[in-house]
N, C-alpha and C. Protein backbone atom coordinates (compact mmCIF):
# COMPACT_ATOMS: atom_id res chain seq x y z
N UNK A 1 -2.30 5.24 23.07
CA UNK A 1 -1.65 6.02 22.02
C UNK A 1 -2.25 7.42 21.98
N UNK A 2 -1.40 8.43 22.19
CA UNK A 2 -1.87 9.80 22.08
C UNK A 2 -2.13 10.13 20.61
N UNK A 3 -3.27 10.74 20.36
CA UNK A 3 -3.63 11.07 18.98
C UNK A 3 -3.58 12.57 18.71
N UNK A 4 -3.17 13.35 19.70
CA UNK A 4 -3.17 14.80 19.50
C UNK A 4 -2.13 15.21 18.46
N UNK A 5 -0.98 14.53 18.45
CA UNK A 5 0.04 14.81 17.44
C UNK A 5 -0.13 13.84 16.29
N UNK A 6 -1.06 14.15 15.39
CA UNK A 6 -1.39 13.24 14.30
C UNK A 6 -0.63 13.57 13.02
N UNK A 7 0.11 14.66 12.99
CA UNK A 7 0.82 15.04 11.77
C UNK A 7 2.06 14.17 11.58
N UNK A 8 2.52 14.01 10.32
CA UNK A 8 3.69 13.15 10.06
C UNK A 8 4.96 13.74 10.65
N UNK A 9 5.92 12.86 10.95
CA UNK A 9 7.20 13.30 11.49
C UNK A 9 8.09 13.91 10.42
N UNK A 10 7.78 13.62 9.15
CA UNK A 10 8.57 14.12 8.03
C UNK A 10 7.87 15.30 7.36
N UNK A 11 8.60 16.15 6.65
CA UNK A 11 8.00 17.30 5.96
C UNK A 11 7.32 16.88 4.66
N UNK A 12 6.23 16.15 4.77
CA UNK A 12 5.51 15.67 3.59
C UNK A 12 4.67 16.80 2.99
N UNK A 13 4.64 16.86 1.66
CA UNK A 13 3.83 17.89 1.00
C UNK A 13 2.36 17.53 0.99
N UNK A 14 2.06 16.23 1.07
CA UNK A 14 0.68 15.76 1.15
C UNK A 14 0.58 14.75 2.28
N UNK A 15 -0.40 14.93 3.14
CA UNK A 15 -0.63 13.99 4.23
C UNK A 15 -2.09 14.09 4.66
N UNK A 16 -2.47 13.24 5.60
CA UNK A 16 -3.87 13.13 6.00
C UNK A 16 -4.19 14.03 7.19
N UNK A 17 -5.38 14.57 7.16
CA UNK A 17 -5.90 15.35 8.28
C UNK A 17 -7.17 14.68 8.79
N UNK A 18 -7.43 14.76 10.09
CA UNK A 18 -8.67 14.16 10.62
C UNK A 18 -9.90 14.83 10.00
N UNK A 19 -10.91 14.04 9.72
CA UNK A 19 -12.14 14.64 9.23
C UNK A 19 -12.82 15.46 10.32
N UNK A 20 -12.55 15.08 11.58
CA UNK A 20 -13.04 15.83 12.74
C UNK A 20 -11.91 15.88 13.77
N UNK A 21 -11.32 17.06 13.96
CA UNK A 21 -10.21 17.16 14.89
C UNK A 21 -10.65 17.02 16.35
N UNK A 22 -11.94 17.15 16.60
CA UNK A 22 -12.44 17.01 17.97
C UNK A 22 -12.79 15.57 18.34
N UNK A 23 -12.58 14.64 17.41
CA UNK A 23 -12.90 13.23 17.64
C UNK A 23 -11.60 12.43 17.69
N UNK A 24 -11.37 11.75 18.84
CA UNK A 24 -10.13 11.00 19.00
C UNK A 24 -9.99 9.88 17.97
N UNK A 25 -11.12 9.24 17.60
CA UNK A 25 -11.08 8.17 16.61
C UNK A 25 -10.61 8.67 15.25
N UNK A 26 -11.06 9.85 14.86
CA UNK A 26 -10.64 10.42 13.58
C UNK A 26 -9.18 10.87 13.63
N UNK A 27 -8.75 11.39 14.76
CA UNK A 27 -7.34 11.76 14.90
C UNK A 27 -6.46 10.52 14.84
N UNK A 28 -6.93 9.41 15.44
CA UNK A 28 -6.16 8.17 15.42
C UNK A 28 -5.98 7.65 14.00
N UNK A 29 -7.04 7.70 13.20
CA UNK A 29 -6.94 7.24 11.82
C UNK A 29 -5.90 8.06 11.06
N UNK A 30 -5.93 9.38 11.23
CA UNK A 30 -4.97 10.25 10.55
C UNK A 30 -3.55 9.95 11.03
N UNK A 31 -3.39 9.68 12.33
CA UNK A 31 -2.06 9.40 12.87
C UNK A 31 -1.49 8.12 12.28
N UNK A 32 -2.31 7.06 12.22
CA UNK A 32 -1.85 5.80 11.64
C UNK A 32 -1.49 5.98 10.17
N UNK A 33 -2.35 6.64 9.42
CA UNK A 33 -2.10 6.81 7.99
C UNK A 33 -0.84 7.64 7.74
N UNK A 34 -0.65 8.69 8.53
CA UNK A 34 0.54 9.52 8.35
C UNK A 34 1.80 8.80 8.81
N UNK A 35 1.66 7.88 9.74
CA UNK A 35 2.79 7.04 10.14
C UNK A 35 3.17 6.08 9.00
N UNK A 36 2.17 5.47 8.36
CA UNK A 36 2.41 4.48 7.32
C UNK A 36 2.75 5.10 5.97
N UNK A 37 2.36 6.32 5.75
CA UNK A 37 2.52 6.95 4.44
C UNK A 37 3.96 6.96 3.94
N UNK A 38 4.96 7.38 4.74
CA UNK A 38 6.34 7.35 4.24
C UNK A 38 6.83 5.95 3.91
N UNK A 39 6.35 4.95 4.67
CA UNK A 39 6.73 3.56 4.40
C UNK A 39 6.26 3.15 3.02
N UNK A 40 5.01 3.47 2.69
CA UNK A 40 4.45 3.09 1.39
C UNK A 40 5.05 3.92 0.27
N UNK A 41 5.36 5.18 0.53
CA UNK A 41 6.00 5.99 -0.50
C UNK A 41 7.41 5.47 -0.81
N UNK A 42 8.07 4.99 0.20
CA UNK A 42 9.37 4.34 0.01
C UNK A 42 9.20 3.03 -0.76
N UNK A 43 8.22 2.22 -0.36
CA UNK A 43 7.98 0.93 -0.99
C UNK A 43 7.59 1.07 -2.46
N UNK A 44 6.70 1.99 -2.76
CA UNK A 44 6.13 2.08 -4.11
C UNK A 44 6.88 3.04 -5.03
N UNK A 45 7.53 4.07 -4.44
CA UNK A 45 8.17 5.09 -5.27
C UNK A 45 9.66 5.28 -5.00
N UNK A 46 10.20 4.57 -3.98
CA UNK A 46 11.63 4.63 -3.72
C UNK A 46 12.11 5.82 -2.95
N UNK A 47 11.18 6.63 -2.43
CA UNK A 47 11.54 7.84 -1.70
C UNK A 47 10.44 8.14 -0.69
N UNK A 48 10.81 8.28 0.56
CA UNK A 48 9.80 8.51 1.61
C UNK A 48 9.07 9.83 1.42
N UNK A 49 9.66 10.78 0.71
CA UNK A 49 9.05 12.10 0.55
C UNK A 49 8.26 12.25 -0.75
N UNK A 50 8.38 11.30 -1.67
CA UNK A 50 7.63 11.40 -2.92
C UNK A 50 6.15 11.13 -2.67
N UNK A 51 5.26 12.07 -2.97
CA UNK A 51 3.83 11.87 -2.68
C UNK A 51 3.29 10.62 -3.37
N UNK A 52 2.48 9.90 -2.66
CA UNK A 52 1.87 8.69 -3.18
C UNK A 52 1.08 9.01 -4.44
N UNK A 53 1.24 8.18 -5.48
CA UNK A 53 0.52 8.41 -6.73
C UNK A 53 0.28 7.08 -7.44
N UNK A 54 -0.54 7.10 -8.46
CA UNK A 54 -0.87 5.90 -9.23
C UNK A 54 0.34 5.46 -10.04
N UNK A 55 0.75 4.20 -9.88
CA UNK A 55 1.93 3.73 -10.60
C UNK A 55 1.65 3.46 -12.07
N UNK A 56 0.38 3.41 -12.45
CA UNK A 56 0.01 3.14 -13.85
C UNK A 56 -0.16 4.44 -14.63
N UNK A 57 -0.99 5.33 -14.13
CA UNK A 57 -1.30 6.55 -14.86
C UNK A 57 -0.48 7.75 -14.42
N UNK A 58 0.12 7.65 -13.24
CA UNK A 58 0.84 8.79 -12.69
C UNK A 58 -0.06 9.80 -12.02
N UNK A 59 -1.36 9.53 -11.96
CA UNK A 59 -2.32 10.46 -11.34
C UNK A 59 -1.94 10.70 -9.88
N UNK A 60 -2.06 11.93 -9.41
CA UNK A 60 -1.68 12.23 -8.02
C UNK A 60 -2.57 11.51 -7.02
N UNK A 61 -2.02 11.28 -5.85
CA UNK A 61 -2.75 10.56 -4.82
C UNK A 61 -3.81 11.40 -4.13
N UNK A 62 -3.73 12.71 -4.29
CA UNK A 62 -4.71 13.59 -3.69
C UNK A 62 -5.27 14.54 -4.75
N UNK A 63 -6.54 14.81 -4.63
CA UNK A 63 -7.22 15.76 -5.50
C UNK A 63 -7.88 16.82 -4.62
N UNK A 64 -7.74 18.07 -4.99
CA UNK A 64 -8.41 19.14 -4.26
C UNK A 64 -9.74 19.45 -4.94
N UNK A 65 -10.82 19.24 -4.20
CA UNK A 65 -12.15 19.49 -4.73
C UNK A 65 -13.01 20.01 -3.59
N UNK A 66 -13.69 21.13 -3.79
CA UNK A 66 -14.43 21.75 -2.67
C UNK A 66 -15.56 20.87 -2.14
N UNK A 67 -15.82 21.03 -0.87
CA UNK A 67 -16.93 20.33 -0.22
C UNK A 67 -18.25 20.79 -0.82
N UNK A 68 -19.10 19.86 -1.18
CA UNK A 68 -20.39 20.20 -1.78
C UNK A 68 -21.26 20.99 -0.82
N UNK A 69 -21.10 20.72 0.47
CA UNK A 69 -21.95 21.36 1.49
C UNK A 69 -21.41 22.72 1.90
N UNK A 70 -20.15 22.74 2.36
CA UNK A 70 -19.59 23.98 2.92
C UNK A 70 -18.98 24.89 1.86
N UNK A 71 -18.66 24.31 0.69
CA UNK A 71 -17.98 25.02 -0.40
C UNK A 71 -16.52 25.31 -0.09
N UNK A 72 -16.03 24.84 1.05
CA UNK A 72 -14.62 25.02 1.39
C UNK A 72 -13.75 24.04 0.61
N UNK A 73 -12.53 24.46 0.30
CA UNK A 73 -11.61 23.58 -0.40
C UNK A 73 -11.36 22.33 0.44
N UNK A 74 -11.34 21.16 -0.21
CA UNK A 74 -11.19 19.90 0.52
C UNK A 74 -10.21 19.00 -0.20
N UNK A 75 -9.30 18.40 0.56
CA UNK A 75 -8.34 17.45 0.02
C UNK A 75 -8.96 16.06 0.03
N UNK A 76 -8.92 15.37 -1.12
CA UNK A 76 -9.55 14.05 -1.22
C UNK A 76 -8.50 13.04 -1.70
N UNK A 77 -8.48 11.90 -1.04
CA UNK A 77 -7.51 10.85 -1.36
C UNK A 77 -8.01 10.07 -2.56
N UNK A 78 -7.14 9.87 -3.56
CA UNK A 78 -7.55 9.29 -4.83
C UNK A 78 -6.81 7.99 -5.14
N UNK A 79 -6.34 7.29 -4.09
CA UNK A 79 -5.59 6.06 -4.30
C UNK A 79 -6.35 4.87 -3.74
N UNK A 80 -6.41 3.77 -4.52
CA UNK A 80 -6.90 2.49 -4.04
C UNK A 80 -5.71 1.54 -3.98
N UNK A 81 -5.71 0.68 -2.97
CA UNK A 81 -4.65 -0.31 -2.82
C UNK A 81 -5.10 -1.61 -3.48
N UNK A 82 -4.56 -1.86 -4.67
CA UNK A 82 -4.98 -2.98 -5.50
C UNK A 82 -4.03 -4.16 -5.38
N UNK A 83 -4.55 -5.30 -4.89
CA UNK A 83 -3.73 -6.52 -4.87
C UNK A 83 -3.42 -6.92 -6.31
N UNK A 84 -2.17 -7.18 -6.58
CA UNK A 84 -1.74 -7.47 -7.95
C UNK A 84 -2.38 -8.75 -8.48
N UNK A 85 -2.40 -9.81 -7.68
CA UNK A 85 -2.97 -11.08 -8.15
C UNK A 85 -4.49 -11.08 -7.93
N UNK A 86 -5.22 -11.20 -9.02
CA UNK A 86 -6.68 -11.27 -9.00
C UNK A 86 -7.10 -12.59 -9.64
N UNK A 87 -7.76 -13.44 -8.87
CA UNK A 87 -8.15 -14.76 -9.37
C UNK A 87 -9.58 -14.74 -9.91
N UNK A 88 -9.73 -15.16 -11.16
CA UNK A 88 -11.04 -15.23 -11.80
C UNK A 88 -11.68 -16.57 -11.45
N UNK A 89 -12.84 -16.51 -10.82
CA UNK A 89 -13.52 -17.73 -10.34
C UNK A 89 -14.72 -18.12 -11.19
N UNK A 90 -14.89 -17.46 -12.34
CA UNK A 90 -15.98 -17.84 -13.23
C UNK A 90 -17.18 -16.91 -13.11
N UNK A 91 -18.18 -17.18 -13.94
CA UNK A 91 -19.44 -16.44 -13.94
C UNK A 91 -19.26 -14.97 -14.32
N UNK A 92 -18.11 -14.65 -14.94
CA UNK A 92 -17.85 -13.28 -15.42
C UNK A 92 -17.94 -12.25 -14.31
N UNK A 93 -17.63 -12.67 -13.10
CA UNK A 93 -17.58 -11.73 -11.99
C UNK A 93 -16.16 -11.21 -11.82
N UNK A 94 -16.03 -10.11 -11.09
CA UNK A 94 -14.71 -9.54 -10.86
C UNK A 94 -13.84 -10.54 -10.10
N UNK A 95 -12.53 -10.49 -10.35
CA UNK A 95 -11.62 -11.41 -9.69
C UNK A 95 -11.52 -11.16 -8.19
N UNK A 96 -10.98 -12.16 -7.50
CA UNK A 96 -10.80 -12.11 -6.06
C UNK A 96 -9.34 -11.85 -5.74
N UNK A 97 -9.09 -10.95 -4.81
CA UNK A 97 -7.71 -10.62 -4.43
C UNK A 97 -7.07 -11.83 -3.76
N UNK A 98 -6.05 -12.39 -4.40
CA UNK A 98 -5.47 -13.65 -3.96
C UNK A 98 -4.61 -13.50 -2.70
N UNK A 99 -4.00 -12.35 -2.50
CA UNK A 99 -3.11 -12.18 -1.35
C UNK A 99 -3.74 -11.39 -0.22
N UNK A 100 -5.04 -11.16 -0.29
CA UNK A 100 -5.72 -10.40 0.75
C UNK A 100 -5.80 -11.21 2.04
N UNK A 101 -5.53 -10.55 3.15
CA UNK A 101 -5.63 -11.17 4.45
C UNK A 101 -7.01 -10.98 5.04
N UNK A 102 -7.06 -10.89 6.36
CA UNK A 102 -8.34 -10.79 7.05
C UNK A 102 -9.04 -9.46 6.82
N UNK A 103 -8.25 -8.39 6.64
CA UNK A 103 -8.81 -7.05 6.53
C UNK A 103 -8.50 -6.42 5.18
N UNK A 104 -9.33 -5.47 4.78
CA UNK A 104 -9.05 -4.70 3.58
C UNK A 104 -7.79 -3.86 3.81
N UNK A 105 -7.01 -3.63 2.76
CA UNK A 105 -5.81 -2.81 2.93
C UNK A 105 -6.10 -1.43 3.51
N UNK A 106 -7.21 -0.83 3.12
CA UNK A 106 -7.53 0.50 3.63
C UNK A 106 -7.74 0.48 5.14
N UNK A 107 -8.31 -0.63 5.65
CA UNK A 107 -8.50 -0.77 7.10
C UNK A 107 -7.15 -0.91 7.80
N UNK A 108 -6.27 -1.71 7.21
CA UNK A 108 -4.93 -1.88 7.79
C UNK A 108 -4.19 -0.55 7.80
N UNK A 109 -4.28 0.18 6.72
CA UNK A 109 -3.58 1.45 6.54
C UNK A 109 -3.93 2.45 7.64
N UNK A 110 -5.20 2.44 8.07
CA UNK A 110 -5.65 3.43 9.03
C UNK A 110 -5.72 2.92 10.47
N UNK A 111 -5.26 1.67 10.71
CA UNK A 111 -5.42 1.14 12.07
C UNK A 111 -4.22 0.35 12.58
N UNK A 112 -3.17 0.14 11.75
CA UNK A 112 -2.00 -0.64 12.15
C UNK A 112 -0.73 0.10 11.74
N UNK A 113 0.32 -0.09 12.53
CA UNK A 113 1.64 0.43 12.16
C UNK A 113 2.35 -0.65 11.35
N UNK A 114 2.54 -0.39 10.09
CA UNK A 114 3.10 -1.42 9.21
C UNK A 114 4.49 -1.87 9.64
N UNK A 115 5.28 -0.98 10.18
CA UNK A 115 6.64 -1.37 10.57
C UNK A 115 6.65 -2.24 11.83
N UNK A 116 5.51 -2.37 12.49
CA UNK A 116 5.41 -3.24 13.66
C UNK A 116 4.69 -4.55 13.32
N UNK A 117 4.24 -4.70 12.08
CA UNK A 117 3.47 -5.87 11.66
C UNK A 117 4.05 -6.42 10.35
N UNK A 118 5.09 -7.25 10.43
CA UNK A 118 5.78 -7.69 9.21
C UNK A 118 4.88 -8.42 8.22
N UNK A 119 3.90 -9.19 8.69
CA UNK A 119 3.05 -9.92 7.76
C UNK A 119 2.13 -8.96 7.00
N UNK A 120 1.75 -7.84 7.65
CA UNK A 120 0.94 -6.84 6.97
C UNK A 120 1.81 -6.03 6.01
N UNK A 121 3.03 -5.74 6.41
CA UNK A 121 3.96 -5.06 5.51
C UNK A 121 4.20 -5.91 4.27
N UNK A 122 4.32 -7.22 4.47
CA UNK A 122 4.52 -8.15 3.37
C UNK A 122 3.32 -8.13 2.42
N UNK A 123 2.10 -8.06 2.98
CA UNK A 123 0.92 -8.00 2.12
C UNK A 123 0.93 -6.75 1.26
N UNK A 124 1.34 -5.62 1.83
CA UNK A 124 1.38 -4.39 1.03
C UNK A 124 2.44 -4.47 -0.07
N UNK A 125 3.40 -5.37 0.07
CA UNK A 125 4.37 -5.60 -1.00
C UNK A 125 3.74 -6.33 -2.18
N UNK A 126 2.56 -6.93 -1.99
CA UNK A 126 1.85 -7.60 -3.08
C UNK A 126 0.78 -6.70 -3.69
N UNK A 127 0.84 -5.43 -3.36
CA UNK A 127 -0.17 -4.45 -3.76
C UNK A 127 0.47 -3.38 -4.64
N UNK A 128 -0.30 -2.79 -5.53
CA UNK A 128 0.14 -1.63 -6.27
C UNK A 128 -0.85 -0.48 -6.03
N UNK A 129 -0.36 0.73 -5.78
CA UNK A 129 -1.26 1.86 -5.58
C UNK A 129 -1.73 2.40 -6.94
N UNK A 130 -3.02 2.48 -7.12
CA UNK A 130 -3.59 2.96 -8.38
C UNK A 130 -4.69 3.97 -8.10
N UNK A 131 -4.96 4.81 -9.07
CA UNK A 131 -6.06 5.76 -8.92
C UNK A 131 -7.38 5.00 -8.90
N UNK A 132 -8.40 5.63 -8.41
CA UNK A 132 -9.72 5.00 -8.37
C UNK A 132 -10.20 4.65 -9.77
N UNK A 133 -9.84 5.48 -10.75
CA UNK A 133 -10.23 5.21 -12.13
C UNK A 133 -9.54 3.95 -12.65
N UNK A 134 -8.23 3.86 -12.46
CA UNK A 134 -7.48 2.68 -12.93
C UNK A 134 -7.93 1.43 -12.18
N UNK A 135 -8.23 1.57 -10.91
CA UNK A 135 -8.70 0.41 -10.14
C UNK A 135 -10.01 -0.12 -10.72
N UNK A 136 -10.86 0.77 -11.15
CA UNK A 136 -12.12 0.36 -11.77
C UNK A 136 -11.86 -0.44 -13.05
N UNK A 137 -10.90 0.00 -13.86
CA UNK A 137 -10.57 -0.71 -15.09
C UNK A 137 -9.99 -2.09 -14.80
N UNK A 138 -9.11 -2.17 -13.81
CA UNK A 138 -8.52 -3.46 -13.45
C UNK A 138 -9.61 -4.42 -12.98
N UNK A 139 -10.53 -3.93 -12.18
CA UNK A 139 -11.63 -4.76 -11.69
C UNK A 139 -12.49 -5.26 -12.84
N UNK A 140 -12.78 -4.38 -13.80
CA UNK A 140 -13.56 -4.78 -14.97
C UNK A 140 -12.84 -5.89 -15.75
N UNK A 141 -11.55 -5.73 -15.95
CA UNK A 141 -10.79 -6.69 -16.75
C UNK A 141 -10.59 -8.01 -16.03
N UNK A 142 -10.62 -7.99 -14.70
CA UNK A 142 -10.44 -9.22 -13.94
C UNK A 142 -11.62 -10.17 -14.10
N UNK A 143 -12.71 -9.70 -14.68
CA UNK A 143 -13.85 -10.58 -14.96
C UNK A 143 -13.57 -11.47 -16.17
N UNK A 144 -12.53 -11.14 -16.94
CA UNK A 144 -12.22 -11.90 -18.15
C UNK A 144 -11.26 -13.06 -17.89
N UNK A 145 -10.31 -12.83 -16.96
CA UNK A 145 -9.32 -13.88 -16.69
C UNK A 145 -8.51 -13.48 -15.46
N UNK A 146 -7.63 -14.38 -15.03
CA UNK A 146 -6.75 -14.08 -13.91
C UNK A 146 -5.86 -12.88 -14.26
N UNK A 147 -5.47 -12.16 -13.25
CA UNK A 147 -4.49 -11.08 -13.41
C UNK A 147 -3.35 -11.34 -12.45
N UNK A 148 -2.12 -11.27 -12.97
CA UNK A 148 -0.92 -11.40 -12.15
C UNK A 148 0.04 -10.27 -12.51
N UNK A 149 1.19 -10.27 -11.90
CA UNK A 149 2.20 -9.26 -12.21
C UNK A 149 2.59 -9.32 -13.68
N UNK A 150 2.54 -10.49 -14.28
CA UNK A 150 2.93 -10.66 -15.68
C UNK A 150 2.03 -9.89 -16.64
N UNK A 151 0.84 -9.51 -16.20
CA UNK A 151 -0.08 -8.77 -17.05
C UNK A 151 0.27 -7.29 -17.15
N UNK A 152 1.14 -6.83 -16.26
CA UNK A 152 1.48 -5.41 -16.23
C UNK A 152 2.87 -5.18 -16.83
N UNK A 153 2.97 -4.20 -17.70
CA UNK A 153 4.28 -3.80 -18.20
C UNK A 153 5.16 -3.46 -17.01
N UNK A 154 6.41 -3.85 -17.07
CA UNK A 154 7.30 -3.65 -15.92
C UNK A 154 7.48 -2.17 -15.55
N UNK A 155 7.20 -1.28 -16.50
CA UNK A 155 7.33 0.15 -16.18
C UNK A 155 6.25 0.59 -15.19
N UNK A 156 5.20 -0.21 -15.03
CA UNK A 156 4.14 0.10 -14.09
C UNK A 156 4.35 -0.57 -12.73
N UNK A 157 5.36 -1.41 -12.63
CA UNK A 157 5.58 -2.10 -11.37
C UNK A 157 5.98 -1.11 -10.27
N UNK A 158 5.53 -1.32 -9.05
CA UNK A 158 6.01 -0.50 -7.95
C UNK A 158 7.53 -0.55 -7.85
N UNK A 159 8.12 0.49 -7.31
CA UNK A 159 9.57 0.61 -7.23
C UNK A 159 10.20 -0.61 -6.59
N UNK A 160 9.63 -1.15 -5.55
CA UNK A 160 10.21 -2.28 -4.82
C UNK A 160 10.36 -3.51 -5.71
N UNK A 161 9.54 -3.62 -6.76
CA UNK A 161 9.57 -4.79 -7.64
C UNK A 161 10.39 -4.58 -8.90
N UNK A 162 10.84 -3.38 -9.14
CA UNK A 162 11.50 -3.08 -10.40
C UNK A 162 12.92 -3.64 -10.51
N UNK A 163 13.54 -3.94 -9.39
CA UNK A 163 14.88 -4.53 -9.44
C UNK A 163 15.18 -5.22 -8.13
N UNK A 164 16.13 -6.14 -8.18
CA UNK A 164 16.56 -6.84 -6.97
C UNK A 164 17.20 -5.87 -5.98
N UNK A 165 17.94 -4.91 -6.49
CA UNK A 165 18.60 -3.95 -5.59
C UNK A 165 17.55 -3.11 -4.84
N UNK A 166 16.49 -2.70 -5.53
CA UNK A 166 15.41 -1.97 -4.86
C UNK A 166 14.77 -2.83 -3.78
N UNK A 167 14.46 -4.06 -4.16
CA UNK A 167 13.80 -4.99 -3.25
C UNK A 167 14.66 -5.24 -2.02
N UNK A 168 15.93 -5.51 -2.24
CA UNK A 168 16.83 -5.79 -1.12
C UNK A 168 17.01 -4.57 -0.23
N UNK A 169 17.06 -3.40 -0.82
CA UNK A 169 17.21 -2.17 -0.04
C UNK A 169 16.04 -2.01 0.91
N UNK A 170 14.83 -2.22 0.39
CA UNK A 170 13.64 -2.06 1.22
C UNK A 170 13.55 -3.14 2.29
N UNK A 171 13.67 -4.40 1.88
CA UNK A 171 13.51 -5.49 2.85
C UNK A 171 14.61 -5.46 3.91
N UNK A 172 15.82 -5.08 3.54
CA UNK A 172 16.88 -4.95 4.54
C UNK A 172 16.57 -3.85 5.54
N UNK A 173 15.88 -2.80 5.09
CA UNK A 173 15.53 -1.70 5.99
C UNK A 173 14.61 -2.16 7.11
N UNK A 174 13.85 -3.21 6.84
CA UNK A 174 12.89 -3.70 7.83
C UNK A 174 13.22 -5.11 8.33
N UNK A 175 14.40 -5.59 8.01
CA UNK A 175 14.82 -6.88 8.52
C UNK A 175 14.13 -8.07 7.89
N UNK A 176 13.51 -7.88 6.73
CA UNK A 176 12.82 -8.99 6.05
C UNK A 176 13.78 -9.71 5.11
N UNK A 177 14.90 -10.10 5.63
CA UNK A 177 15.98 -10.62 4.81
C UNK A 177 15.75 -12.05 4.34
N UNK A 178 14.73 -12.72 4.90
CA UNK A 178 14.47 -14.10 4.50
C UNK A 178 13.71 -14.21 3.19
N UNK A 179 13.30 -13.09 2.61
CA UNK A 179 12.50 -13.10 1.39
C UNK A 179 13.40 -12.82 0.19
N UNK A 180 13.37 -13.70 -0.80
CA UNK A 180 14.19 -13.56 -2.00
C UNK A 180 13.40 -12.84 -3.10
N UNK A 181 14.07 -11.95 -3.79
CA UNK A 181 13.43 -11.15 -4.84
C UNK A 181 12.83 -12.02 -5.94
N UNK A 182 13.62 -12.92 -6.52
CA UNK A 182 13.12 -13.74 -7.63
C UNK A 182 11.97 -14.63 -7.20
N UNK A 183 12.05 -15.16 -5.98
CA UNK A 183 10.95 -15.97 -5.45
C UNK A 183 9.68 -15.13 -5.34
N UNK A 184 9.83 -13.89 -4.91
CA UNK A 184 8.68 -13.01 -4.73
C UNK A 184 8.05 -12.65 -6.08
N UNK A 185 8.87 -12.37 -7.07
CA UNK A 185 8.36 -12.07 -8.41
C UNK A 185 7.62 -13.28 -8.97
N UNK A 186 8.18 -14.47 -8.77
CA UNK A 186 7.51 -15.70 -9.23
C UNK A 186 6.16 -15.86 -8.54
N UNK A 187 6.11 -15.55 -7.26
CA UNK A 187 4.85 -15.65 -6.52
C UNK A 187 3.79 -14.74 -7.14
N UNK A 188 4.15 -13.50 -7.40
CA UNK A 188 3.20 -12.54 -7.94
C UNK A 188 2.82 -12.84 -9.38
N UNK A 189 3.60 -13.67 -10.04
CA UNK A 189 3.34 -14.01 -11.44
C UNK A 189 2.58 -15.32 -11.61
N UNK A 190 2.26 -16.00 -10.51
CA UNK A 190 1.61 -17.31 -10.56
C UNK A 190 0.30 -17.27 -9.77
N UNK A 191 -0.80 -17.34 -10.46
CA UNK A 191 -2.11 -17.26 -9.81
C UNK A 191 -2.39 -18.47 -8.94
N UNK A 192 -1.71 -19.57 -9.18
CA UNK A 192 -1.99 -20.81 -8.47
C UNK A 192 -1.37 -20.88 -7.08
N UNK A 193 -0.48 -19.96 -6.77
CA UNK A 193 0.11 -19.97 -5.44
C UNK A 193 -0.89 -19.48 -4.40
N UNK A 194 -0.83 -20.03 -3.18
CA UNK A 194 -1.73 -19.55 -2.12
C UNK A 194 -1.34 -18.15 -1.67
N UNK A 195 -2.01 -17.63 -0.68
CA UNK A 195 -1.72 -16.28 -0.20
C UNK A 195 -0.28 -16.17 0.29
N UNK A 196 0.25 -14.97 0.18
CA UNK A 196 1.64 -14.76 0.60
C UNK A 196 1.82 -15.06 2.07
N UNK A 197 0.82 -14.78 2.90
CA UNK A 197 0.95 -14.99 4.34
C UNK A 197 1.06 -16.46 4.70
N UNK A 198 0.53 -17.33 3.82
CA UNK A 198 0.60 -18.76 4.10
C UNK A 198 1.90 -19.38 3.59
N UNK A 199 2.66 -18.64 2.81
CA UNK A 199 3.90 -19.17 2.22
C UNK A 199 5.15 -18.67 2.93
N UNK A 200 5.02 -17.60 3.68
CA UNK A 200 6.21 -16.98 4.28
C UNK A 200 6.04 -16.86 5.79
N UNK A 201 7.05 -17.25 6.50
CA UNK A 201 7.10 -17.04 7.94
C UNK A 201 8.12 -15.93 8.20
N UNK A 202 7.64 -14.83 8.72
CA UNK A 202 8.51 -13.69 8.95
C UNK A 202 8.68 -13.47 10.44
N UNK A 203 9.88 -13.13 10.82
CA UNK A 203 10.15 -12.86 12.23
C UNK A 203 9.74 -11.42 12.53
N UNK A 204 9.50 -11.13 13.81
CA UNK A 204 9.16 -9.75 14.18
C UNK A 204 10.24 -8.78 13.72
N UNK A 205 9.83 -7.59 13.35
CA UNK A 205 10.78 -6.58 12.91
C UNK A 205 11.55 -6.06 14.11
N UNK A 206 12.87 -6.28 14.10
CA UNK A 206 13.72 -5.86 15.19
C UNK A 206 13.81 -4.33 15.19
N UNK A 207 13.84 -3.76 16.37
CA UNK A 207 13.87 -2.29 16.49
C UNK A 207 15.04 -1.68 15.74
N UNK A 208 16.15 -2.43 15.61
CA UNK A 208 17.32 -1.87 14.93
C UNK A 208 17.07 -1.64 13.44
N UNK A 209 16.05 -2.31 12.89
CA UNK A 209 15.77 -2.16 11.47
C UNK A 209 14.72 -1.07 11.19
N UNK A 210 14.16 -0.49 12.24
CA UNK A 210 13.10 0.50 12.05
C UNK A 210 13.72 1.87 11.83
N UNK A 211 13.55 2.46 10.65
CA UNK A 211 14.12 3.78 10.40
C UNK A 211 13.62 4.80 11.42
N UNK A 212 14.47 5.77 11.74
CA UNK A 212 14.12 6.73 12.78
C UNK A 212 12.86 7.52 12.44
N UNK A 213 12.58 7.71 11.15
CA UNK A 213 11.39 8.47 10.80
C UNK A 213 10.11 7.70 11.06
N UNK A 214 10.23 6.42 11.40
CA UNK A 214 9.04 5.63 11.75
C UNK A 214 8.79 5.61 13.25
N UNK A 215 9.73 6.11 14.02
CA UNK A 215 9.59 6.04 15.47
C UNK A 215 8.79 7.23 15.98
N UNK A 216 7.51 7.23 15.66
CA UNK A 216 6.61 8.31 16.08
C UNK A 216 5.42 7.72 16.80
């Protein structure tokens, strides 16, 4: 995979830049994130061009704050990918992400193409993007009891979960037609269900379902 062209294929107002443009590994991370960014903006906000932001507070996904060392202006990412279902296992510790797979979402975001990995795309459908501040509050509260989708006012739900038409529009775009909206909402509302990956068998995403803006 060539990493020299790491910028997004779409005219995004906010996107990722390599921390070191002379390092192929850093360029690769930026390329993967910029590839996945429109997919998540579509999933969470209903528009590939709408900048990623916290669905609870509305806080922007990026903050401009100068580098402490160089004093140069620096763009900083302010979004955490929070699994909606958090299982409380006792001892007043923070809850455990019930739908988490083998890797942290941030690792997946910077190292996999979501449109080529349906089970990973499905996991991100069980996630809500929140600011680092809101994520801290959710983590604190998860020490008290389980957290599911039912704990959140529906106005805070990601766009894909707000209606069946939204859900069907997104899943049809990627050929995930075997997943039912009401079944999915029930899954996210029930802490006793196992991980989403163990409950759903998804077929590979056919090339015909991949939007042209993902073919980068």
